[in-house]
Amino acid sequence: MPMPEACSRFEQSRDMALALFASKGFGQVSMRELATHLGLTAGSLYHHFPSKQHLLFDLIEEFYDELQAALTLCTRRLRAGGKPLTEVLQAHLALHRAKPLHFRLAERDSRCLSEAQRAHVSVLRDTYEQQLLKVLGLSFSVECRAGAGHAVANLLNSLPGWLEGSALTEPQRTALMENMLGGAIAHLATT
């Protein structure tokens, strides 16, 4: 059984690697630079992580697990009388605040994964997007379902960045995002 301090160091190393990948881009970080950044020798890095690519895959997989958990939370809140669009947006905004680097890494560096890893991430993404449509109470024809799920997920994941640094207050930004998302969903529902 791992010791709590070993688990803490492992998590801290993953967080430091995430920050480095997100700031420079996965492809721009060498194993030597990653080891130095983590305070390890290049040889001992492999003891902690089988490969740089494996670490990237773990971080992206963790991201989709977090997105799924956010949707599960939304489902619970909806049972208590919440509004789907509001609950989904609030859950995503909370996740954006907690894990902004994960969003950047998953969007930008998924292409650096192996073909098998990309296929696995694609299944995770599709599962998340279809669950997202379900939580929002949206149904589409088989032909439109995947595209609609992808469009709504991309909009949700991009909205906070679009308004970053704006002069709007937090409630104004949230209301604007809810209006934009609601309008996009209403338009999608008519196609």
Protein backbone atom coordinates (compact mmCIF):
# COMPACT_ATOMS: atom_id res chain seq x y z
CA MET A 1 0.00 0.00 0.00
CA PRO A 2 1.49 3.37 -0.99
CA MET A 3 2.46 5.73 1.78
CA PRO A 4 0.47 9.00 1.93
CA GLU A 5 3.62 11.07 1.47
CA ALA A 6 4.63 9.05 -1.61
CA CYS A 7 1.15 9.58 -3.10
CA SER A 8 1.39 13.29 -2.32
CA ARG A 9 4.80 13.56 -4.06
CA PHE A 10 3.44 11.63 -7.05
CA GLU A 11 0.43 13.98 -7.33
CA GLN A 12 2.69 17.01 -6.92
CA SER A 13 4.94 15.70 -9.73
CA ARG A 14 1.92 15.18 -11.98
CA ASP A 15 0.72 18.72 -11.25
CA MET A 16 4.16 20.13 -12.02
CA ALA A 17 4.34 18.15 -15.28
CA LEU A 18 0.85 19.36 -16.20
CA ALA A 19 1.91 22.98 -15.66
CA LEU A 20 5.02 22.51 -17.80
CA PHE A 21 3.11 20.77 -20.61
CA ALA A 22 0.37 23.40 -20.55
CA SER A 23 2.79 26.32 -20.63
CA LYS A 24 5.20 25.04 -23.30
CA GLY A 25 3.21 22.42 -25.15
CA PHE A 26 3.74 18.69 -24.75
CA GLY A 27 5.82 18.35 -27.92
CA GLN A 28 8.20 21.10 -26.82
CA VAL A 29 9.14 19.42 -23.52
CA SER A 30 11.98 16.90 -23.60
CA MET A 31 12.31 14.07 -21.09
CA ARG A 32 15.45 15.74 -19.73
CA GLU A 33 13.63 19.06 -19.26
CA LEU A 34 10.69 17.27 -17.62
CA ALA A 35 13.04 15.45 -15.23
CA THR A 36 14.81 18.69 -14.32
CA HIS A 37 11.48 20.46 -13.79
CA LEU A 38 10.40 17.67 -11.43
CA GLY A 39 13.71 17.61 -9.58
CA LEU A 40 14.58 14.12 -10.81
CA THR A 41 17.34 12.64 -12.89
CA ALA A 42 16.39 11.62 -16.41
CA GLY A 43 16.92 7.95 -15.51
CA SER A 44 14.78 8.06 -12.38
CA LEU A 45 11.94 9.75 -14.25
CA TYR A 46 11.12 6.41 -15.87
CA HIS A 47 10.69 4.92 -12.40
CA HIS A 48 7.88 7.40 -11.79
CA PHE A 49 6.35 7.53 -15.28
CA PRO A 50 6.70 4.85 -17.99
CA SER A 51 6.91 7.57 -20.65
CA LYS A 52 6.14 11.21 -21.23
CA GLN A 53 3.29 10.16 -23.51
CA HIS A 54 1.87 7.86 -20.82
CA LEU A 55 1.84 10.79 -18.40
CA LEU A 56 0.00 12.95 -20.96
CA PHE A 57 -2.54 10.18 -21.47
CA ASP A 58 -3.09 9.87 -17.69
CA LEU A 59 -3.66 13.63 -17.39
CA ILE A 60 -6.15 13.72 -20.28
CA GLU A 61 -7.94 10.62 -19.02
CA GLU A 62 -8.19 12.28 -15.60
CA PHE A 63 -9.71 15.33 -17.30
CA TYR A 64 -12.52 13.27 -18.84
CA ASP A 65 -13.11 11.53 -15.50
CA GLU A 66 -13.54 14.98 -13.95
CA LEU A 67 -15.97 16.04 -16.68
CA GLN A 68 -18.02 12.88 -16.10
CA ALA A 69 -18.03 13.54 -12.35
CA ALA A 70 -19.28 17.08 -13.02
CA LEU A 71 -22.17 15.67 -15.06
CA THR A 72 -22.98 13.21 -12.27
CA LEU A 73 -23.15 16.13 -9.86
CA CYS A 74 -25.47 17.96 -12.27
CA THR A 75 -27.77 14.94 -12.40
CA ARG A 76 -28.02 14.94 -8.59
CA ARG A 77 -28.78 18.65 -8.52
CA LEU A 78 -31.43 18.27 -11.21
CA ARG A 79 -33.23 15.74 -9.04
CA ALA A 80 -33.33 18.46 -6.37
CA GLY A 81 -35.04 20.86 -8.79
CA GLY A 82 -32.16 22.59 -10.60
CA LYS A 83 -32.35 23.85 -14.18
CA PRO A 84 -30.28 21.73 -16.62
CA LEU A 85 -28.51 24.54 -18.46
CA THR A 86 -27.68 26.43 -15.25
CA GLU A 87 -26.41 23.30 -13.49
CA VAL A 88 -24.25 22.22 -16.41
CA LEU A 89 -22.77 25.67 -16.85
CA GLN A 90 -22.06 26.07 -13.12
CA ALA A 91 -20.39 22.64 -12.98
CA HIS A 92 -18.18 23.46 -15.98
CA LEU A 93 -17.23 26.86 -14.62
CA ALA A 94 -16.24 25.27 -11.31
CA LEU A 95 -14.13 22.73 -13.18
CA HIS A 96 -12.55 25.49 -15.27
CA ARG A 97 -11.57 27.30 -12.08
CA ALA A 98 -10.22 24.12 -10.47
CA LYS A 99 -8.44 22.63 -13.50
CA PRO A 100 -7.79 25.23 -16.18
CA LEU A 101 -4.60 23.55 -17.37
CA HIS A 102 -6.40 20.25 -18.01
CA PHE A 103 -8.73 21.98 -20.48
CA ARG A 104 -5.79 23.50 -22.34
CA LEU A 105 -3.83 20.25 -22.40
CA ALA A 106 -6.75 18.11 -23.59
CA GLU A 107 -7.63 20.57 -26.34
CA ARG A 108 -4.14 21.23 -27.62
CA ASP A 109 -2.06 18.12 -26.97
CA SER A 110 -4.36 15.11 -27.48
CA ARG A 111 -2.89 14.81 -30.96
CA CYS A 112 0.44 13.82 -29.35
CA LEU A 113 -0.99 10.56 -28.00
CA SER A 114 -0.48 7.20 -29.67
CA GLU A 115 -3.19 5.96 -32.00
CA ALA A 116 -4.51 3.56 -29.35
CA GLN A 117 -4.51 6.29 -26.69
CA ARG A 118 -6.32 8.70 -29.05
CA ALA A 119 -8.93 6.02 -29.74
CA HIS A 120 -9.48 5.56 -25.99
CA VAL A 121 -9.75 9.31 -25.44
CA SER A 122 -12.20 9.50 -28.34
CA VAL A 123 -14.45 6.97 -26.58
CA LEU A 124 -14.19 8.95 -23.33
CA ARG A 125 -15.03 12.18 -25.15
CA ASP A 126 -17.98 10.64 -27.01
CA THR A 127 -19.35 9.15 -23.79
CA TYR A 128 -19.05 12.51 -22.05
CA GLU A 129 -20.67 14.40 -24.94
CA GLN A 130 -23.63 12.02 -25.14
CA GLN A 131 -24.10 12.19 -21.36
CA LEU A 132 -23.96 15.98 -21.63
CA LEU A 133 -26.82 15.98 -24.14
CA LYS A 134 -28.79 13.66 -21.87
CA VAL A 135 -28.29 15.88 -18.80
CA LEU A 136 -29.38 18.90 -20.84
CA GLY A 137 -32.49 16.97 -21.93
CA LEU A 138 -31.59 17.17 -25.61
CA SER A 139 -32.24 14.48 -28.16
CA PHE A 140 -31.13 14.42 -31.76
CA SER A 141 -31.38 12.03 -34.66
CA VAL A 142 -28.64 9.44 -34.89
CA GLU A 143 -27.09 11.41 -37.74
CA CYS A 144 -26.90 14.63 -35.71
CA ARG A 145 -26.21 13.30 -32.20
CA ALA A 146 -22.40 13.13 -32.34
CA GLY A 147 -22.05 16.54 -34.00
CA ALA A 148 -24.46 18.18 -31.57
CA GLY A 149 -22.68 16.67 -28.55
CA HIS A 150 -19.33 17.82 -29.87
CA ALA A 151 -20.60 21.33 -30.59
CA VAL A 152 -22.19 21.79 -27.15
CA ALA A 153 -19.12 20.38 -25.36
CA ASN A 154 -16.74 22.61 -27.32
CA LEU A 155 -18.85 25.66 -26.61
CA LEU A 156 -18.99 24.84 -22.89
CA ASN A 157 -15.26 24.26 -22.75
CA SER A 158 -14.42 27.43 -24.68
CA LEU A 159 -16.83 29.99 -23.23
CA PRO A 160 -14.84 30.85 -20.09
CA GLY A 161 -11.75 31.64 -22.16
CA TRP A 162 -13.70 33.90 -24.50
CA LEU A 163 -14.71 36.16 -21.64
CA GLU A 164 -11.47 35.97 -19.67
CA GLY A 165 -10.19 39.40 -18.82
CA SER A 166 -13.44 41.13 -19.73
CA ALA A 167 -14.73 44.03 -17.65
CA LEU A 168 -17.90 42.08 -16.84
CA THR A 169 -18.55 40.99 -13.28
CA GLU A 170 -18.68 37.27 -12.54
CA PRO A 171 -22.52 37.21 -12.48
CA GLN A 172 -22.62 39.15 -15.78
CA ARG A 173 -20.14 36.74 -17.40
CA THR A 174 -22.14 33.75 -16.17
CA ALA A 175 -25.42 35.22 -17.44
CA LEU A 176 -23.85 35.98 -20.83
CA MET A 177 -22.43 32.46 -21.09
CA GLU A 178 -25.80 30.97 -20.17
CA ASN A 179 -27.51 33.09 -22.84
CA MET A 180 -24.93 32.17 -25.48
CA LEU A 181 -25.12 28.48 -24.64
CA GLY A 182 -28.91 28.55 -24.47
CA GLY A 183 -29.11 30.27 -27.86
CA ALA A 184 -26.73 27.77 -29.44
CA ILE A 185 -28.68 24.84 -28.01
CA ALA A 186 -31.99 26.32 -29.19
CA HIS A 187 -30.54 26.72 -32.67
CA LEU A 188 -29.14 23.19 -32.68
CA ALA A 189 -32.51 21.82 -31.59
CA THR A 190 -34.13 23.27 -34.73
CA THR A 191 -31.72 21.53 -37.12
